[in-house]
């Protein structure tokens, strides 16, 4: 359950059970947000993000560049730079299909569009960090529910990235702390119950502009 005393009534509840239908529904919802709503949401997200104790202690944080109506992350990236934290962005692995690499990102980084039309750092092996050395991976998502289940775009990139972490998380071994995943989402991306598959990796935390969810 969320670690909050109140539930925002604006959070959406879609009567859908098909994963493809949920993706379509939620993506439409977030695309309909106005520029003003997007800016307001990004400012509120930053308040939660910049006061979280785990994030404040982190030195190496993976974020992502927003796309397709996703909650804007540039403010989070700027805050990390201003506070001396190193930022890393995901890059689609050129040889291992369905996997991600994480590259250091700063104001001088050259960006290119990958095969999905999403901007990512130009591949440079000198800037790669092993995922296990990241303190936090902020994950994009299409939808999540009140148990922490996460629905992505369907490529399984973050599920593969987090599978090793999740094995240790389930056993509560010391390695489960890193790379610790935190989902970022608009309020409208909350669904009552998501249909899940065995390969889906749930999230321990999700931050929205209104609430900070922490799940068992």
C-alpha atoms as a PDB file:
ATOM      1  CA  UNK A   1       0.000   0.000   0.000  1.00  0.00           C
ATOM      2  CA  UNK A   2       1.130   3.586  -0.546  1.00  0.00           C
ATOM      3  CA  UNK A   3       2.960   5.267   2.312  1.00  0.00           C
ATOM      4  CA  UNK A   4       0.576   8.210   2.426  1.00  0.00           C
ATOM      5  CA  UNK A   5      -2.375   9.122   4.572  1.00  0.00           C
ATOM      6  CA  UNK A   6      -4.594  10.230   1.701  1.00  0.00           C
ATOM      7  CA  UNK A   7      -5.321   8.996  -1.799  1.00  0.00           C
ATOM      8  CA  UNK A   8      -5.749  11.657  -4.488  1.00  0.00           C
ATOM      9  CA  UNK A   9      -9.193  11.170  -6.006  1.00  0.00           C
ATOM     10  CA  UNK A  10      -7.831  12.368  -9.350  1.00  0.00           C
ATOM     11  CA  UNK A  11      -5.841   9.174  -9.770  1.00  0.00           C
ATOM     12  CA  UNK A  12      -7.304   7.208 -12.644  1.00  0.00           C
ATOM     13  CA  UNK A  13      -8.929   3.810 -12.448  1.00  0.00           C
ATOM     14  CA  UNK A  14      -9.414   2.184 -15.836  1.00  0.00           C
ATOM     15  CA  UNK A  15     -11.791  -0.812 -16.119  1.00  0.00           C
ATOM     16  CA  UNK A  16      -9.411  -2.639 -18.436  1.00  0.00           C
ATOM     17  CA  UNK A  17      -7.824  -6.075 -18.200  1.00  0.00           C
ATOM     18  CA  UNK A  18      -5.943  -6.322 -21.505  1.00  0.00           C
ATOM     19  CA  UNK A  19      -2.354  -5.068 -21.361  1.00  0.00           C
ATOM     20  CA  UNK A  20      -2.454  -3.581 -24.855  1.00  0.00           C
ATOM     21  CA  UNK A  21      -5.719  -1.785 -24.076  1.00  0.00           C
ATOM     22  CA  UNK A  22      -4.282  -0.395 -20.840  1.00  0.00           C
ATOM     23  CA  UNK A  23      -1.221   0.892 -22.679  1.00  0.00           C
ATOM     24  CA  UNK A  24      -3.407   2.620 -25.248  1.00  0.00           C
ATOM     25  CA  UNK A  25      -5.727   4.089 -22.612  1.00  0.00           C
ATOM     26  CA  UNK A  26      -3.008   5.468 -20.331  1.00  0.00           C
ATOM     27  CA  UNK A  27      -0.859   6.833 -23.155  1.00  0.00           C
ATOM     28  CA  UNK A  28      -3.903   8.723 -24.431  1.00  0.00           C
ATOM     29  CA  UNK A  29      -4.551  10.093 -20.942  1.00  0.00           C
ATOM     30  CA  UNK A  30      -1.065  11.496 -20.480  1.00  0.00           C
ATOM     31  CA  UNK A  31      -0.886  12.888 -24.036  1.00  0.00           C
ATOM     32  CA  UNK A  32      -4.005  14.927 -23.284  1.00  0.00           C
ATOM     33  CA  UNK A  33      -2.286  16.801 -20.454  1.00  0.00           C
ATOM     34  CA  UNK A  34      -1.764  20.454 -21.347  1.00  0.00           C
ATOM     35  CA  UNK A  35       1.700  22.090 -21.307  1.00  0.00           C
ATOM     36  CA  UNK A  36       0.644  23.908 -18.129  1.00  0.00           C
ATOM     37  CA  UNK A  37      -0.379  20.636 -16.462  1.00  0.00           C
ATOM     38  CA  UNK A  38       2.914  19.075 -17.537  1.00  0.00           C
ATOM     39  CA  UNK A  39       4.935  21.931 -16.029  1.00  0.00           C
ATOM     40  CA  UNK A  40       2.927  21.849 -12.805  1.00  0.00           C
ATOM     41  CA  UNK A  41       3.362  18.079 -12.529  1.00  0.00           C
ATOM     42  CA  UNK A  42       7.110  18.306 -13.148  1.00  0.00           C
ATOM     43  CA  UNK A  43       7.508  20.950 -10.422  1.00  0.00           C
ATOM     44  CA  UNK A  44       5.568  18.855  -7.909  1.00  0.00           C
ATOM     45  CA  UNK A  45       7.542  15.745  -8.832  1.00  0.00           C
ATOM     46  CA  UNK A  46      10.792  17.562  -8.149  1.00  0.00           C
ATOM     47  CA  UNK A  47       9.630  18.402  -4.616  1.00  0.00           C
ATOM     48  CA  UNK A  48       9.133  14.698  -3.803  1.00  0.00           C
ATOM     49  CA  UNK A  49      12.274  13.647  -5.651  1.00  0.00           C
ATOM     50  CA  UNK A  50      14.614  16.206  -4.077  1.00  0.00           C
ATOM     51  CA  UNK A  51      13.500  15.469  -0.511  1.00  0.00           C
ATOM     52  CA  UNK A  52      13.631  11.671  -0.631  1.00  0.00           C
ATOM     53  CA  UNK A  53      16.298  10.363   1.772  1.00  0.00           C
ATOM     54  CA  UNK A  54      17.472   7.581  -0.556  1.00  0.00           C
ATOM     55  CA  UNK A  55      17.870   9.985  -3.471  1.00  0.00           C
ATOM     56  CA  UNK A  56      19.655  12.540  -1.291  1.00  0.00           C
ATOM     57  CA  UNK A  57      22.238   9.900  -0.335  1.00  0.00           C
ATOM     58  CA  UNK A  58      22.715   8.609  -3.894  1.00  0.00           C
ATOM     59  CA  UNK A  59      25.731   9.585  -6.001  1.00  0.00           C
ATOM     60  CA  UNK A  60      24.967   7.738  -9.244  1.00  0.00           C
ATOM     61  CA  UNK A  61      21.392   8.067 -10.552  1.00  0.00           C
ATOM     62  CA  UNK A  62      19.987   6.743 -13.815  1.00  0.00           C
ATOM     63  CA  UNK A  63      17.212   8.848 -15.292  1.00  0.00           C
ATOM     64  CA  UNK A  64      15.750   9.049 -18.796  1.00  0.00           C
ATOM     65  CA  UNK A  65      14.672  11.690 -21.294  1.00  0.00           C
ATOM     66  CA  UNK A  66      10.901  12.077 -21.408  1.00  0.00           C
ATOM     67  CA  UNK A  67       8.991  10.921 -24.465  1.00  0.00           C
ATOM     68  CA  UNK A  68       5.386  10.344 -25.578  1.00  0.00           C
ATOM     69  CA  UNK A  69       3.768  12.466 -22.859  1.00  0.00           C
ATOM     70  CA  UNK A  70       5.869  11.036 -20.019  1.00  0.00           C
ATOM     71  CA  UNK A  71       6.348  13.114 -16.906  1.00  0.00           C
ATOM     72  CA  UNK A  72       9.096  15.639 -17.685  1.00  0.00           C
ATOM     73  CA  UNK A  73      12.426  14.637 -16.119  1.00  0.00           C
ATOM     74  CA  UNK A  74      14.669  17.537 -17.147  1.00  0.00           C
ATOM     75  CA  UNK A  75      14.079  19.297 -13.825  1.00  0.00           C
ATOM     76  CA  UNK A  76      15.258  16.186 -11.972  1.00  0.00           C
ATOM     77  CA  UNK A  77      18.361  15.978 -14.163  1.00  0.00           C
ATOM     78  CA  UNK A  78      19.172  19.660 -13.569  1.00  0.00           C
ATOM     79  CA  UNK A  79      18.749  19.211  -9.813  1.00  0.00           C
ATOM     80  CA  UNK A  80      21.099  16.210  -9.832  1.00  0.00           C
ATOM     81  CA  UNK A  81      23.736  18.202 -11.708  1.00  0.00           C
ATOM     82  CA  UNK A  82      23.348  21.144  -9.332  1.00  0.00           C
ATOM     83  CA  UNK A  83      23.784  18.926  -6.275  1.00  0.00           C
ATOM     84  CA  UNK A  84      26.856  17.124  -7.604  1.00  0.00           C
ATOM     85  CA  UNK A  85      25.200  13.817  -8.447  1.00  0.00           C
ATOM     86  CA  UNK A  86      26.225  11.949 -11.589  1.00  0.00           C
ATOM     87  CA  UNK A  87      23.423  11.274 -14.054  1.00  0.00           C
ATOM     88  CA  UNK A  88      23.227   8.322 -16.432  1.00  0.00           C
ATOM     89  CA  UNK A  89      20.841   7.643 -19.318  1.00  0.00           C
ATOM     90  CA  UNK A  90      19.750   4.328 -20.829  1.00  0.00           C
ATOM     91  CA  UNK A  91      21.065   3.317 -24.243  1.00  0.00           C
ATOM     92  CA  UNK A  92      19.658   0.408 -26.238  1.00  0.00           C
ATOM     93  CA  UNK A  93      22.372  -2.252 -26.299  1.00  0.00           C
ATOM     94  CA  UNK A  94      23.761  -2.521 -29.859  1.00  0.00           C
ATOM     95  CA  UNK A  95      24.506  -6.266 -29.644  1.00  0.00           C
ATOM     96  CA  UNK A  96      22.362  -7.803 -26.878  1.00  0.00           C
ATOM     97  CA  UNK A  97      18.769  -7.436 -28.063  1.00  0.00           C
ATOM     98  CA  UNK A  98      16.307  -6.186 -25.466  1.00  0.00           C
ATOM     99  CA  UNK A  99      18.990  -4.986 -23.050  1.00  0.00           C
ATOM    100  CA  UNK A 100      20.143  -1.583 -21.874  1.00  0.00           C
ATOM    101  CA  UNK A 101      23.461   0.088 -21.225  1.00  0.00           C
ATOM    102  CA  UNK A 102      23.773   3.150 -18.990  1.00  0.00           C
ATOM    103  CA  UNK A 103      26.046   6.020 -20.039  1.00  0.00           C
ATOM    104  CA  UNK A 104      27.177   9.066 -18.106  1.00  0.00           C
ATOM    105  CA  UNK A 105      25.242  12.161 -19.172  1.00  0.00           C
ATOM    106  CA  UNK A 106      26.172  15.826 -18.786  1.00  0.00           C
ATOM    107  CA  UNK A 107      25.634  19.119 -20.607  1.00  0.00           C
ATOM    108  CA  UNK A 108      28.256  18.224 -23.230  1.00  0.00           C
ATOM    109  CA  UNK A 109      26.913  14.775 -24.096  1.00  0.00           C
ATOM    110  CA  UNK A 110      26.038  14.201 -27.750  1.00  0.00           C
ATOM    111  CA  UNK A 111      22.538  12.782 -28.179  1.00  0.00           C
ATOM    112  CA  UNK A 112      21.198  10.719 -31.072  1.00  0.00           C
ATOM    113  CA  UNK A 113      17.813   9.113 -31.718  1.00  0.00           C
ATOM    114  CA  UNK A 114      17.634   5.337 -31.323  1.00  0.00           C
ATOM    115  CA  UNK A 115      15.468   3.011 -33.413  1.00  0.00           C
ATOM    116  CA  UNK A 116      12.427   3.989 -31.340  1.00  0.00           C
ATOM    117  CA  UNK A 117      12.944   7.701 -32.002  1.00  0.00           C
ATOM    118  CA  UNK A 118      14.035   8.328 -28.395  1.00  0.00           C
ATOM    119  CA  UNK A 119      17.088  10.501 -27.711  1.00  0.00           C
ATOM    120  CA  UNK A 120      19.990   8.723 -26.020  1.00  0.00           C
ATOM    121  CA  UNK A 121      23.734   9.391 -25.576  1.00  0.00           C
ATOM    122  CA  UNK A 122      25.948   8.456 -28.488  1.00  0.00           C
ATOM    123  CA  UNK A 123      27.622   5.173 -27.576  1.00  0.00           C
ATOM    124  CA  UNK A 124      31.015   5.643 -25.944  1.00  0.00           C
ATOM    125  CA  UNK A 125      32.405   2.678 -24.004  1.00  0.00           C
ATOM    126  CA  UNK A 126      34.385   5.040 -21.773  1.00  0.00           C
ATOM    127  CA  UNK A 127      31.139   6.416 -20.349  1.00  0.00           C
ATOM    128  CA  UNK A 128      29.398   3.120 -19.569  1.00  0.00           C
ATOM    129  CA  UNK A 129      28.672   2.268 -15.943  1.00  0.00           C
ATOM    130  CA  UNK A 130      27.662  -1.293 -14.920  1.00  0.00           C
ATOM    131  CA  UNK A 131      24.059  -1.257 -13.730  1.00  0.00           C
ATOM    132  CA  UNK A 132      25.035  -2.727 -10.348  1.00  0.00           C
ATOM    133  CA  UNK A 133      27.151   0.362  -9.664  1.00  0.00           C
ATOM    134  CA  UNK A 134      24.161   2.656  -9.978  1.00  0.00           C
ATOM    135  CA  UNK A 135      22.575   3.698  -6.705  1.00  0.00           C
ATOM    136  CA  UNK A 136      19.147   4.328  -8.222  1.00  0.00           C
ATOM    137  CA  UNK A 137      17.469   3.589 -11.539  1.00  0.00           C
ATOM    138  CA  UNK A 138      14.478   5.843 -12.167  1.00  0.00           C
ATOM    139  CA  UNK A 139      12.261   3.830 -14.468  1.00  0.00           C
ATOM    140  CA  UNK A 140       9.719   5.054 -16.983  1.00  0.00           C
ATOM    141  CA  UNK A 141       6.422   3.202 -17.098  1.00  0.00           C
ATOM    142  CA  UNK A 142       3.078   3.227 -18.843  1.00  0.00           C
ATOM    143  CA  UNK A 143       1.001   2.161 -15.846  1.00  0.00           C
ATOM    144  CA  UNK A 144       1.312   0.892 -12.280  1.00  0.00           C
ATOM    145  CA  UNK A 145      -1.101  -0.383  -9.657  1.00  0.00           C
ATOM    146  CA  UNK A 146      -1.496  -0.252  -5.893  1.00  0.00           C
ATOM    147  CA  UNK A 147       0.733  -3.291  -5.359  1.00  0.00           C
ATOM    148  CA  UNK A 148       3.720  -1.859  -7.254  1.00  0.00           C
ATOM    149  CA  UNK A 149       3.156  -3.843 -10.442  1.00  0.00           C
ATOM    150  CA  UNK A 150       4.647  -2.017 -13.424  1.00  0.00           C
ATOM    151  CA  UNK A 151       3.548  -2.051 -17.058  1.00  0.00           C
ATOM    152  CA  UNK A 152       6.122  -0.811 -19.551  1.00  0.00           C
ATOM    153  CA  UNK A 153       6.016  -0.396 -23.311  1.00  0.00           C
ATOM    154  CA  UNK A 154       6.390  -4.123 -23.883  1.00  0.00           C
ATOM    155  CA  UNK A 155      10.055  -4.429 -24.819  1.00  0.00           C
ATOM    156  CA  UNK A 156      11.127  -5.813 -21.436  1.00  0.00           C
ATOM    157  CA  UNK A 157      14.222  -3.586 -21.264  1.00  0.00           C
ATOM    158  CA  UNK A 158      13.830  -2.574 -17.622  1.00  0.00           C
ATOM    159  CA  UNK A 159      12.544  -6.001 -16.565  1.00  0.00           C
ATOM    160  CA  UNK A 160      15.806  -7.522 -17.832  1.00  0.00           C
ATOM    161  CA  UNK A 161      17.861  -4.738 -16.260  1.00  0.00           C
ATOM    162  CA  UNK A 162      16.234  -5.223 -12.858  1.00  0.00           C
ATOM    163  CA  UNK A 163      15.935  -9.020 -12.808  1.00  0.00           C
ATOM    164  CA  UNK A 164      19.212  -9.521 -10.894  1.00  0.00           C
ATOM    165  CA  UNK A 165      18.251  -6.835  -8.364  1.00  0.00           C
ATOM    166  CA  UNK A 166      14.831  -8.434  -7.881  1.00  0.00           C
ATOM    167  CA  UNK A 167      16.270 -11.860  -7.118  1.00  0.00           C
ATOM    168  CA  UNK A 168      18.248 -10.352  -4.237  1.00  0.00           C
ATOM    169  CA  UNK A 169      15.339  -8.138  -3.191  1.00  0.00           C
ATOM    170  CA  UNK A 170      13.105 -11.177  -2.748  1.00  0.00           C
ATOM    171  CA  UNK A 171      15.736 -12.853  -0.566  1.00  0.00           C
ATOM    172  CA  UNK A 172      16.618  -9.581   1.233  1.00  0.00           C
ATOM    173  CA  UNK A 173      20.320 -10.160   0.604  1.00  0.00           C
ATOM    174  CA  UNK A 174      22.691  -7.160   0.876  1.00  0.00           C
ATOM    175  CA  UNK A 175      22.886  -6.786  -2.921  1.00  0.00           C
ATOM    176  CA  UNK A 176      19.225  -5.863  -3.152  1.00  0.00           C
ATOM    177  CA  UNK A 177      19.966  -2.232  -2.336  1.00  0.00           C
ATOM    178  CA  UNK A 178      21.489  -1.413  -5.716  1.00  0.00           C
ATOM    179  CA  UNK A 179      20.521  -0.542  -8.313  1.00  0.00           C
ATOM    180  CA  UNK A 180      17.355   0.453  -6.454  1.00  0.00           C
ATOM    181  CA  UNK A 181      14.445   1.163  -8.849  1.00  0.00           C
ATOM    182  CA  UNK A 182      12.003   4.027  -8.419  1.00  0.00           C
ATOM    183  CA  UNK A 183       9.194   4.533 -10.912  1.00  0.00           C
ATOM    184  CA  UNK A 184       8.152   7.992 -12.095  1.00  0.00           C
ATOM    185  CA  UNK A 185       4.607   8.554 -13.335  1.00  0.00           C
ATOM    186  CA  UNK A 186       1.736  10.964 -13.799  1.00  0.00           C
ATOM    187  CA  UNK A 187      -1.206  10.576 -11.439  1.00  0.00           C
ATOM    188  CA  UNK A 188      -3.318   9.285 -14.342  1.00  0.00           C
ATOM    189  CA  UNK A 189      -1.020   6.286 -14.792  1.00  0.00           C
ATOM    190  CA  UNK A 190      -2.305   4.570 -11.653  1.00  0.00           C
ATOM    191  CA  UNK A 191      -4.606   1.619 -12.439  1.00  0.00           C
ATOM    192  CA  UNK A 192      -6.516  -0.391  -9.809  1.00  0.00           C
ATOM    193  CA  UNK A 193      -5.119  -3.778 -10.846  1.00  0.00           C
ATOM    194  CA  UNK A 194      -2.669  -4.606 -13.606  1.00  0.00           C
ATOM    195  CA  UNK A 195      -2.549  -8.003 -15.304  1.00  0.00           C
ATOM    196  CA  UNK A 196       1.023  -9.259 -14.894  1.00  0.00           C
ATOM    197  CA  UNK A 197       3.315 -11.820 -16.461  1.00  0.00           C
ATOM    198  CA  UNK A 198       5.944 -13.926 -14.687  1.00  0.00           C
ATOM    199  CA  UNK A 199       8.776 -11.825 -16.117  1.00  0.00           C
ATOM    200  CA  UNK A 200       7.380  -8.502 -14.876  1.00  0.00           C
ATOM    201  CA  UNK A 201       9.497  -6.852 -12.197  1.00  0.00           C
ATOM    202  CA  UNK A 202       7.423  -4.912  -9.626  1.00  0.00           C
ATOM    203  CA  UNK A 203       8.665  -1.644  -8.181  1.00  0.00           C
ATOM    204  CA  UNK A 204       9.306  -0.914  -4.490  1.00  0.00           C
ATOM    205  CA  UNK A 205       8.509   2.774  -4.991  1.00  0.00           C
ATOM    206  CA  UNK A 206       6.700   5.054  -7.434  1.00  0.00           C
ATOM    207  CA  UNK A 207       6.709   8.841  -7.268  1.00  0.00           C
ATOM    208  CA  UNK A 208       3.895  10.876  -8.824  1.00  0.00           C
ATOM    209  CA  UNK A 209       3.278  14.638  -8.610  1.00  0.00           C
ATOM    210  CA  UNK A 210       0.781  14.044  -5.765  1.00  0.00           C
ATOM    211  CA  UNK A 211       2.014  10.964  -3.929  1.00  0.00           C
ATOM    212  CA  UNK A 212       5.057   8.899  -3.048  1.00  0.00           C
ATOM    213  CA  UNK A 213       4.092   5.234  -3.022  1.00  0.00           C
ATOM    214  CA  UNK A 214       6.153   2.657  -1.129  1.00  0.00           C
ATOM    215  CA  UNK A 215       5.159  -0.964  -1.543  1.00  0.00           C
ATOM    216  CA  UNK A 216       5.841  -4.091   0.502  1.00  0.00           C
END
